[in-house]
Amino acid sequence: TTVEFLRTHFPTQTKLGPVEKIRDLVNLHLPGVTLRSLSVAPREIPYHAGYSYFEVDTTHDLWRQLNSSGGLAMHVSGEFPELELEFWAIRR
């Protein structure tokens, strides 16, 4: 299904990291912050049927570097027709 394709392929075809490093992550084929597919939406954010939910690895070194970065950057490769993204932050 489209949802399963997205859950499987989106994390492997996406680079996430500090804006200052995204070019190197992409051009040098380096891994970015790890994205993990979630089987259910976190209870802190709205649930929408047919949506896929992912979480970032906040223990990743590149994630910690965001404290001193100008911003978060994301590069998506591959084909994901009609892809719509929303970013949510959950304070814990």
PDB file of N, CA and C in Angstrom:
ATOM      1  N   THR A   1       0.835  -1.183   0.000  1.00  0.00           N
ATOM      2  CA  THR A   1       0.000   0.000   0.000  1.00  0.00           C
ATOM      3  C   THR A   1       0.881   1.248   0.000  1.00  0.00           C
ATOM      4  N   THR A   2       0.278   2.360  -0.314  1.00  0.00           N
ATOM      5  CA  THR A   2       1.000   3.631  -0.325  1.00  0.00           C
ATOM      6  C   THR A   2       1.517   3.984   1.062  1.00  0.00           C
ATOM      7  N   VAL A   3       0.699   3.730   2.084  1.00  0.00           N
ATOM      8  CA  VAL A   3       1.118   4.030   3.458  1.00  0.00           C
ATOM      9  C   VAL A   3       2.326   3.184   3.835  1.00  0.00           C
ATOM     10  N   GLU A   4       2.286   1.898   3.512  1.00  0.00           N
ATOM     11  CA  GLU A   4       3.410   1.017   3.849  1.00  0.00           C
ATOM     12  C   GLU A   4       4.659   1.409   3.059  1.00  0.00           C
ATOM     13  N   PHE A   5       4.495   1.785   1.799  1.00  0.00           N
ATOM     14  CA  PHE A   5       5.631   2.251   0.995  1.00  0.00           C
ATOM     15  C   PHE A   5       6.267   3.467   1.658  1.00  0.00           C
ATOM     16  N   LEU A   6       5.445   4.410   2.081  1.00  0.00           N
ATOM     17  CA  LEU A   6       5.953   5.616   2.729  1.00  0.00           C
ATOM     18  C   LEU A   6       6.668   5.274   4.033  1.00  0.00           C
ATOM     19  N   ARG A   7       6.066   4.442   4.856  1.00  0.00           N
ATOM     20  CA  ARG A   7       6.672   4.065   6.141  1.00  0.00           C
ATOM     21  C   ARG A   7       8.010   3.364   5.949  1.00  0.00           C
ATOM     22  N   THR A   8       8.131   2.599   4.876  1.00  0.00           N
ATOM     23  CA  THR A   8       9.360   1.848   4.624  1.00  0.00           C
ATOM     24  C   THR A   8      10.434   2.690   3.950  1.00  0.00           C
ATOM     25  N   HIS A   9      10.064   3.462   2.941  1.00  0.00           N
ATOM     26  CA  HIS A   9      11.049   4.149   2.111  1.00  0.00           C
ATOM     27  C   HIS A   9      11.372   5.585   2.521  1.00  0.00           C
ATOM     28  N   PHE A  10      10.420   6.292   3.101  1.00  0.00           N
ATOM     29  CA  PHE A  10      10.661   7.694   3.436  1.00  0.00           C
ATOM     30  C   PHE A  10      11.867   7.879   4.368  1.00  0.00           C
ATOM     31  N   PRO A  11      11.994   7.095   5.444  1.00  0.00           N
ATOM     32  CA  PRO A  11      13.152   7.300   6.328  1.00  0.00           C
ATOM     33  C   PRO A  11      14.500   7.059   5.651  1.00  0.00           C
ATOM     34  N   THR A  12      14.550   6.154   4.692  1.00  0.00           N
ATOM     35  CA  THR A  12      15.827   5.855   4.038  1.00  0.00           C
ATOM     36  C   THR A  12      16.160   6.836   2.921  1.00  0.00           C
ATOM     37  N   GLN A  13      15.175   7.604   2.461  1.00  0.00           N
ATOM     38  CA  GLN A  13      15.403   8.545   1.368  1.00  0.00           C
ATOM     39  C   GLN A  13      15.326   9.994   1.831  1.00  0.00           C
ATOM     40  N   THR A  14      15.434  10.185   3.130  1.00  0.00           N
ATOM     41  CA  THR A  14      15.350  11.522   3.706  1.00  0.00           C
ATOM     42  C   THR A  14      16.587  11.813   4.538  1.00  0.00           C
ATOM     43  N   LYS A  15      17.114  13.007   4.372  1.00  0.00           N
ATOM     44  CA  LYS A  15      18.230  13.486   5.200  1.00  0.00           C
ATOM     45  C   LYS A  15      17.695  14.607   6.066  1.00  0.00           C
ATOM     46  N   LEU A  16      17.997  14.545   7.341  1.00  0.00           N
ATOM     47  CA  LEU A  16      17.556  15.547   8.296  1.00  0.00           C
ATOM     48  C   LEU A  16      18.759  15.954   9.125  1.00  0.00           C
ATOM     49  N   GLY A  17      18.973  17.260   9.262  1.00  0.00           N
ATOM     50  CA  GLY A  17      20.106  17.724  10.047  1.00  0.00           C
ATOM     51  C   GLY A  17      20.180  19.234  10.097  1.00  0.00           C
ATOM     52  N   PRO A  18      21.237  19.752  10.693  1.00  0.00           N
ATOM     53  CA  PRO A  18      21.427  21.206  10.750  1.00  0.00           C
ATOM     54  C   PRO A  18      21.555  21.787   9.345  1.00  0.00           C
ATOM     55  N   VAL A  19      20.977  22.959   9.141  1.00  0.00           N
ATOM     56  CA  VAL A  19      20.992  23.593   7.821  1.00  0.00           C
ATOM     57  C   VAL A  19      22.423  23.778   7.311  1.00  0.00           C
ATOM     58  N   GLU A  20      23.360  24.010   8.208  1.00  0.00           N
ATOM     59  CA  GLU A  20      24.754  24.226   7.806  1.00  0.00           C
ATOM     60  C   GLU A  20      25.420  22.951   7.292  1.00  0.00           C
ATOM     61  N   LYS A  21      24.850  21.781   7.567  1.00  0.00           N
ATOM     62  CA  LYS A  21      25.485  20.511   7.188  1.00  0.00           C
ATOM     63  C   LYS A  21      24.712  19.714   6.149  1.00  0.00           C
ATOM     64  N   ILE A  22      23.531  20.167   5.773  1.00  0.00           N
ATOM     65  CA  ILE A  22      22.690  19.351   4.895  1.00  0.00           C
ATOM     66  C   ILE A  22      23.332  19.117   3.530  1.00  0.00           C
ATOM     67  N   ARG A  23      24.022  20.106   2.994  1.00  0.00           N
ATOM     68  CA  ARG A  23      24.669  19.933   1.681  1.00  0.00           C
ATOM     69  C   ARG A  23      25.691  18.797   1.729  1.00  0.00           C
ATOM     70  N   ASP A  24      26.522  18.762   2.766  1.00  0.00           N
ATOM     71  CA  ASP A  24      27.506  17.683   2.899  1.00  0.00           C
ATOM     72  C   ASP A  24      26.826  16.335   3.120  1.00  0.00           C
ATOM     73  N   LEU A  25      25.777  16.305   3.916  1.00  0.00           N
ATOM     74  CA  LEU A  25      25.066  15.045   4.146  1.00  0.00           C
ATOM     75  C   LEU A  25      24.567  14.461   2.828  1.00  0.00           C
ATOM     76  N   VAL A  26      24.025  15.310   1.973  1.00  0.00           N
ATOM     77  CA  VAL A  26      23.480  14.855   0.691  1.00  0.00           C
ATOM     78  C   VAL A  26      24.600  14.519  -0.289  1.00  0.00           C
ATOM     79  N   ASN A  27      25.524  15.456  -0.509  1.00  0.00           N
ATOM     80  CA  ASN A  27      26.561  15.274  -1.530  1.00  0.00           C
ATOM     81  C   ASN A  27      27.559  14.173  -1.197  1.00  0.00           C
ATOM     82  N   LEU A  28      27.831  13.968   0.087  1.00  0.00           N
ATOM     83  CA  LEU A  28      28.794  12.945   0.498  1.00  0.00           C
ATOM     84  C   LEU A  28      28.105  11.646   0.917  1.00  0.00           C
ATOM     85  N   HIS A  29      26.790  11.583   0.719  1.00  0.00           N
ATOM     86  CA  HIS A  29      26.000  10.383   1.048  1.00  0.00           C
ATOM     87  C   HIS A  29      26.184   9.963   2.501  1.00  0.00           C
ATOM     88  N   LEU A  30      26.173  10.949   3.397  1.00  0.00           N
ATOM     89  CA  LEU A  30      26.317  10.681   4.823  1.00  0.00           C
ATOM     90  C   LEU A  30      24.936  10.551   5.465  1.00  0.00           C
ATOM     91  N   PRO A  31      24.849   9.768   6.529  1.00  0.00           N
ATOM     92  CA  PRO A  31      23.545   9.643   7.193  1.00  0.00           C
ATOM     93  C   PRO A  31      23.187  10.907   7.956  1.00  0.00           C
ATOM     94  N   GLY A  32      21.926  11.236   7.952  1.00  0.00           N
ATOM     95  CA  GLY A  32      21.434  12.353   8.750  1.00  0.00           C
ATOM     96  C   GLY A  32      20.836  11.829  10.042  1.00  0.00           C
ATOM     97  N   VAL A  33      20.074  12.670  10.700  1.00  0.00           N
ATOM     98  CA  VAL A  33      19.370  12.256  11.911  1.00  0.00           C
ATOM     99  C   VAL A  33      18.406  11.131  11.533  1.00  0.00           C
ATOM    100  N   THR A  34      18.393  10.080  12.326  1.00  0.00           N
ATOM    101  CA  THR A  34      17.567   8.918  12.037  1.00  0.00           C
ATOM    102  C   THR A  34      16.082   9.229  12.218  1.00  0.00           C
ATOM    103  N   LEU A  35      15.288   8.813  11.235  1.00  0.00           N
ATOM    104  CA  LEU A  35      13.825   8.887  11.318  1.00  0.00           C
ATOM    105  C   LEU A  35      13.293   7.479  11.534  1.00  0.00           C
ATOM    106  N   ARG A  36      12.385   7.335  12.481  1.00  0.00           N
ATOM    107  CA  ARG A  36      11.767   6.035  12.745  1.00  0.00           C
ATOM    108  C   ARG A  36      10.269   6.131  12.504  1.00  0.00           C
ATOM    109  N   SER A  37       9.744   5.150  11.813  1.00  0.00           N
ATOM    110  CA  SER A  37       8.307   5.081  11.561  1.00  0.00           C
ATOM    111  C   SER A  37       7.591   4.664  12.843  1.00  0.00           C
ATOM    112  N   LEU A  38       6.472   5.310  13.125  1.00  0.00           N
ATOM    113  CA  LEU A  38       5.662   4.970  14.294  1.00  0.00           C
ATOM    114  C   LEU A  38       4.415   4.218  13.849  1.00  0.00           C
ATOM    115  N   SER A  39       4.010   3.227  14.611  1.00  0.00           N
ATOM    116  CA  SER A  39       2.812   2.464  14.253  1.00  0.00           C
ATOM    117  C   SER A  39       1.533   3.222  14.602  1.00  0.00           C
ATOM    118  N   VAL A  40       1.615   4.133  15.572  1.00  0.00           N
ATOM    119  CA  VAL A  40       0.466   4.966  15.943  1.00  0.00           C
ATOM    120  C   VAL A  40       0.943   6.398  16.160  1.00  0.00           C
ATOM    121  N   ALA A  41       0.022   7.333  16.055  1.00  0.00           N
ATOM    122  CA  ALA A  41       0.354   8.741  16.295  1.00  0.00           C
ATOM    123  C   ALA A  41       0.607   8.958  17.780  1.00  0.00           C
ATOM    124  N   PRO A  42       1.580   9.796  18.117  1.00  0.00           N
ATOM    125  CA  PRO A  42       1.775  10.142  19.530  1.00  0.00           C
ATOM    126  C   PRO A  42       0.502  10.797  20.071  1.00  0.00           C
ATOM    127  N   ARG A  43       0.148  10.517  21.311  1.00  0.00           N
ATOM    128  CA  ARG A  43      -1.111  11.034  21.868  1.00  0.00           C
ATOM    129  C   ARG A  43      -1.121  12.545  21.999  1.00  0.00           C
ATOM    130  N   GLU A  44       0.056  13.174  21.960  1.00  0.00           N
ATOM    131  CA  GLU A  44       0.141  14.625  22.128  1.00  0.00           C
ATOM    132  C   GLU A  44      -0.226  15.416  20.867  1.00  0.00           C
ATOM    133  N   ILE A  45      -0.353  14.743  19.728  1.00  0.00           N
ATOM    134  CA  ILE A  45      -0.669  15.462  18.488  1.00  0.00           C
ATOM    135  C   ILE A  45      -1.926  14.874  17.847  1.00  0.00           C
ATOM    136  N   PRO A  46      -2.591  15.638  16.980  1.00  0.00           N
ATOM    137  CA  PRO A  46      -3.835  15.154  16.362  1.00  0.00           C
ATOM    138  C   PRO A  46      -3.606  13.925  15.483  1.00  0.00           C
ATOM    139  N   TYR A  47      -4.547  12.996  15.538  1.00  0.00           N
ATOM    140  CA  TYR A  47      -4.512  11.811  14.688  1.00  0.00           C
ATOM    141  C   TYR A  47      -5.313  12.092  13.421  1.00  0.00           C
ATOM    142  N   HIS A  48      -4.771  11.661  12.290  1.00  0.00           N
ATOM    143  CA  HIS A  48      -5.483  11.760  11.014  1.00  0.00           C
ATOM    144  C   HIS A  48      -5.383  10.409  10.315  1.00  0.00           C
ATOM    145  N   ALA A  49      -6.515   9.841   9.961  1.00  0.00           N
ATOM    146  CA  ALA A  49      -6.540   8.553   9.269  1.00  0.00           C
ATOM    147  C   ALA A  49      -5.782   8.659   7.955  1.00  0.00           C
ATOM    148  N   GLY A  50      -4.989   7.650   7.647  1.00  0.00           N
ATOM    149  CA  GLY A  50      -4.241   7.621   6.399  1.00  0.00           C
ATOM    150  C   GLY A  50      -2.909   8.343   6.446  1.00  0.00           C
ATOM    151  N   TYR A  51      -2.599   8.984   7.562  1.00  0.00           N
ATOM    152  CA  TYR A  51      -1.316   9.670   7.704  1.00  0.00           C
ATOM    153  C   TYR A  51      -0.276   8.700   8.252  1.00  0.00           C
ATOM    154  N   SER A  52       0.976   8.959   7.953  1.00  0.00           N
ATOM    155  CA  SER A  52       2.090   8.208   8.526  1.00  0.00           C
ATOM    156  C   SER A  52       2.822   9.118   9.495  1.00  0.00           C
ATOM    157  N   TYR A  53       3.261   8.542  10.588  1.00  0.00           N
ATOM    158  CA  TYR A  53       3.938   9.315  11.629  1.00  0.00           C
ATOM    159  C   TYR A  53       5.349   8.783  11.826  1.00  0.00           C
ATOM    160  N   PHE A  54       6.279   9.716  12.019  1.00  0.00           N
ATOM    161  CA  PHE A  54       7.683   9.377  12.222  1.00  0.00           C
ATOM    162  C   PHE A  54       8.201  10.160  13.418  1.00  0.00           C
ATOM    163  N   GLU A  55       9.250   9.637  14.041  1.00  0.00           N
ATOM    164  CA  GLU A  55       9.922  10.384  15.096  1.00  0.00           C
ATOM    165  C   GLU A  55      11.400  10.484  14.762  1.00  0.00           C
ATOM    166  N   VAL A  56      12.020  11.546  15.244  1.00  0.00           N
ATOM    167  CA  VAL A  56      13.455  11.722  15.026  1.00  0.00           C
ATOM    168  C   VAL A  56      14.209  11.181  16.228  1.00  0.00           C
ATOM    169  N   ASP A  57      15.414  10.725  15.979  1.00  0.00           N
ATOM    170  CA  ASP A  57      16.287  10.222  17.039  1.00  0.00           C
ATOM    171  C   ASP A  57      16.952  11.415  17.716  1.00  0.00           C
ATOM    172  N   THR A  58      16.423  11.815  18.854  1.00  0.00           N
ATOM    173  CA  THR A  58      16.943  12.997  19.546  1.00  0.00           C
ATOM    174  C   THR A  58      18.253  12.729  20.275  1.00  0.00           C
ATOM    175  N   THR A  59      18.747  11.480  20.227  1.00  0.00           N
ATOM    176  CA  THR A  59      20.063  11.186  20.807  1.00  0.00           C
ATOM    177  C   THR A  59      21.167  11.268  19.754  1.00  0.00           C
ATOM    178  N   HIS A  60      20.792  11.441  18.499  1.00  0.00           N
ATOM    179  CA  HIS A  60      21.761  11.514  17.397  1.00  0.00           C
ATOM    180  C   HIS A  60      22.618  12.772  17.543  1.00  0.00           C
ATOM    181  N   ASP A  61      23.898  12.666  17.254  1.00  0.00           N
ATOM    182  CA  ASP A  61      24.823  13.798  17.387  1.00  0.00           C
ATOM    183  C   ASP A  61      24.379  15.003  16.555  1.00  0.00           C
ATOM    184  N   LEU A  62      23.914  14.767  15.339  1.00  0.00           N
ATOM    185  CA  LEU A  62      23.464  15.883  14.496  1.00  0.00           C
ATOM    186  C   LEU A  62      22.243  16.582  15.092  1.00  0.00           C
ATOM    187  N   TRP A  63      21.398  15.835  15.776  1.00  0.00           N
ATOM    188  CA  TRP A  63      20.236  16.457  16.421  1.00  0.00           C
ATOM    189  C   TRP A  63      20.701  17.399  17.531  1.00  0.00           C
ATOM    190  N   ARG A  64      21.662  16.951  18.315  1.00  0.00           N
ATOM    191  CA  ARG A  64      22.186  17.793  19.401  1.00  0.00           C
ATOM    192  C   ARG A  64      22.849  19.050  18.852  1.00  0.00           C
ATOM    193  N   GLN A  65      23.406  18.976  17.648  1.00  0.00           N
ATOM    194  CA  GLN A  65      24.053  20.139  17.039  1.00  0.00           C
ATOM    195  C   GLN A  65      23.046  21.226  16.655  1.00  0.00           C
ATOM    196  N   LEU A  66      21.772  20.885  16.626  1.00  0.00           N
ATOM    197  CA  LEU A  66      20.750  21.876  16.279  1.00  0.00           C
ATOM    198  C   LEU A  66      20.659  22.996  17.315  1.00  0.00           C
ATOM    199  N   ASN A  67      21.148  22.745  18.533  1.00  0.00           N
ATOM    200  CA  ASN A  67      21.145  23.791  19.566  1.00  0.00           C
ATOM    201  C   ASN A  67      21.939  25.010  19.139  1.00  0.00           C
ATOM    202  N   SER A  68      22.977  24.805  18.326  1.00  0.00           N
ATOM    203  CA  SER A  68      23.819  25.923  17.885  1.00  0.00           C
ATOM    204  C   SER A  68      23.681  26.179  16.386  1.00  0.00           C
ATOM    205  N   SER A  69      22.646  25.635  15.780  1.00  0.00           N
ATOM    206  CA  SER A  69      22.441  25.753  14.337  1.00  0.00           C
ATOM    207  C   SER A  69      21.477  26.889  14.014  1.00  0.00           C
ATOM    208  N   GLY A  70      21.531  27.313  12.748  1.00  0.00           N
ATOM    209  CA  GLY A  70      20.589  28.316  12.266  1.00  0.00           C
ATOM    210  C   GLY A  70      19.214  27.742  11.981  1.00  0.00           C
ATOM    211  N   GLY A  71      19.101  26.415  11.941  1.00  0.00           N
ATOM    212  CA  GLY A  71      17.801  25.808  11.680  1.00  0.00           C
ATOM    213  C   GLY A  71      17.906  24.353  11.276  1.00  0.00           C
ATOM    214  N   LEU A  72      16.764  23.743  11.121  1.00  0.00           N
ATOM    215  CA  LEU A  72      16.635  22.353  10.723  1.00  0.00           C
ATOM    216  C   LEU A  72      16.423  22.283   9.214  1.00  0.00           C
ATOM    217  N   ALA A  73      17.130  21.377   8.549  1.00  0.00           N
ATOM    218  CA  ALA A  73      16.976  21.197   7.104  1.00  0.00           C
ATOM    219  C   ALA A  73      16.585  19.754   6.807  1.00  0.00           C
ATOM    220  N   MET A  74      15.797  19.586   5.751  1.00  0.00           N
ATOM    221  CA  MET A  74      15.390  18.256   5.320  1.00  0.00           C
ATOM    222  C   MET A  74      15.543  18.161   3.811  1.00  0.00           C
ATOM    223  N   HIS A  75      16.131  17.054   3.361  1.00  0.00           N
ATOM    224  CA  HIS A  75      16.262  16.768   1.933  1.00  0.00           C
ATOM    225  C   HIS A  75      15.558  15.441   1.677  1.00  0.00           C
ATOM    226  N   VAL A  76      14.609  15.441   0.751  1.00  0.00           N
ATOM    227  CA  VAL A  76      13.877  14.227   0.400  1.00  0.00           C
ATOM    228  C   VAL A  76      14.233  13.855  -1.027  1.00  0.00           C
ATOM    229  N   SER A  77      14.756  12.640  -1.215  1.00  0.00           N
ATOM    230  CA  SER A  77      15.043  12.148  -2.563  1.00  0.00           C
ATOM    231  C   SER A  77      13.989  11.101  -2.921  1.00  0.00           C
ATOM    232  N   GLY A  78      13.937  10.738  -4.180  1.00  0.00           N
ATOM    233  CA  GLY A  78      12.961   9.740  -4.599  1.00  0.00           C
ATOM    234  C   GLY A  78      11.624  10.363  -4.947  1.00  0.00           C
ATOM    235  N   GLU A  79      10.679   9.512  -5.256  1.00  0.00           N
ATOM    236  CA  GLU A  79       9.349   9.946  -5.688  1.00  0.00           C
ATOM    237  C   GLU A  79       8.324   9.665  -4.598  1.00  0.00           C
ATOM    238  N   PHE A  80       7.723  10.715  -4.103  1.00  0.00           N
ATOM    239  CA  PHE A  80       6.631  10.619  -3.142  1.00  0.00           C
ATOM    240  C   PHE A  80       5.523  11.562  -3.613  1.00  0.00           C
ATOM    241  N   PRO A  81       4.749  11.131  -4.621  1.00  0.00           N
ATOM    242  CA  PRO A  81       3.713  11.999  -5.190  1.00  0.00           C
ATOM    243  C   PRO A  81       2.745  12.499  -4.120  1.00  0.00           C
ATOM    244  N   GLU A  82       2.397  13.764  -4.235  1.00  0.00           N
ATOM    245  CA  GLU A  82       1.431  14.406  -3.344  1.00  0.00           C
ATOM    246  C   GLU A  82       1.847  14.369  -1.874  1.00  0.00           C
ATOM    247  N   LEU A  83       3.139  14.302  -1.631  1.00  0.00           N
ATOM    248  CA  LEU A  83       3.648  14.289  -0.260  1.00  0.00           C
ATOM    249  C   LEU A  83       3.351  15.621   0.420  1.00  0.00           C
ATOM    250  N   GLU A  84       2.786  15.554   1.593  1.00  0.00           N
ATOM    251  CA  GLU A  84       2.564  16.730   2.431  1.00  0.00           C
ATOM    252  C   GLU A  84       3.207  16.443   3.777  1.00  0.00           C
ATOM    253  N   LEU A  85       3.960  17.408   4.292  1.00  0.00           N
ATOM    254  CA  LEU A  85       4.668  17.219   5.558  1.00  0.00           C
ATOM    255  C   LEU A  85       4.182  18.210   6.602  1.00  0.00           C
ATOM    256  N   GLU A  86       4.119  17.752   7.825  1.00  0.00           N
ATOM    257  CA  GLU A  86       3.883  18.612   8.979  1.00  0.00           C
ATOM    258  C   GLU A  86       4.910  18.219  10.030  1.00  0.00           C
ATOM    259  N   PHE A  87       5.504  19.208  10.662  1.00  0.00           N
ATOM    260  CA  PHE A  87       6.448  18.951  11.746  1.00  0.00           C
ATOM    261  C   PHE A  87       5.791  19.353  13.057  1.00  0.00           C
ATOM    262  N   TRP A  88       5.864  18.483  14.018  1.00  0.00           N
ATOM    263  CA  TRP A  88       5.322  18.759  15.349  1.00  0.00           C
ATOM    264  C   TRP A  88       6.429  18.526  16.371  1.00  0.00           C
ATOM    265  N   ALA A  89       6.505  19.376  17.362  1.00  0.00           N
ATOM    266  CA  ALA A  89       7.457  19.200  18.460  1.00  0.00           C
ATOM    267  C   ALA A  89       6.676  18.837  19.718  1.00  0.00           C
ATOM    268  N   ILE A  90       7.149  17.822  20.405  1.00  0.00           N
ATOM    269  CA  ILE A  90       6.531  17.389  21.655  1.00  0.00           C
ATOM    270  C   ILE A  90       7.551  17.607  22.769  1.00  0.00           C
ATOM    271  N   ARG A  91       7.195  18.418  23.730  1.00  0.00           N
ATOM    272  CA  ARG A  91       8.094  18.661  24.870  1.00  0.00           C
ATOM    273  C   ARG A  91       7.897  17.557  25.897  1.00  0.00           C
ATOM    274  N   ARG A  92       9.008  16.999  26.328  1.00  0.00           N
ATOM    275  CA  ARG A  92       8.942  15.928  27.345  1.00  0.00           C
ATOM    276  C   ARG A  92       9.840  16.251  28.488  1.00  0.00           C
TER     277      ARG A  92
END
